[in-house]
């Protein structure tokens, strides 16, 4: 599995498209990033499945699942 991959997500607050670089070397992770357009926090939940060689990324704001 590649350790680094890039995903494009939409800010759940303003809809701005953001390119996120993901590091899968540490497995599944939860983290926050700020939207460069509206400066609100974006919660990102990255799930790494090494057997299927895939990464799923869930984006939400304020504990409400969007995707």
Foldseek 3Di string as FASTA:
>chain_A
DDQWDWDWDAAPVPGDIDIDIHGCPVAWDWDWDADPPPRAIKIWTWHQDVVVRDIDIWIDHPPDTDD
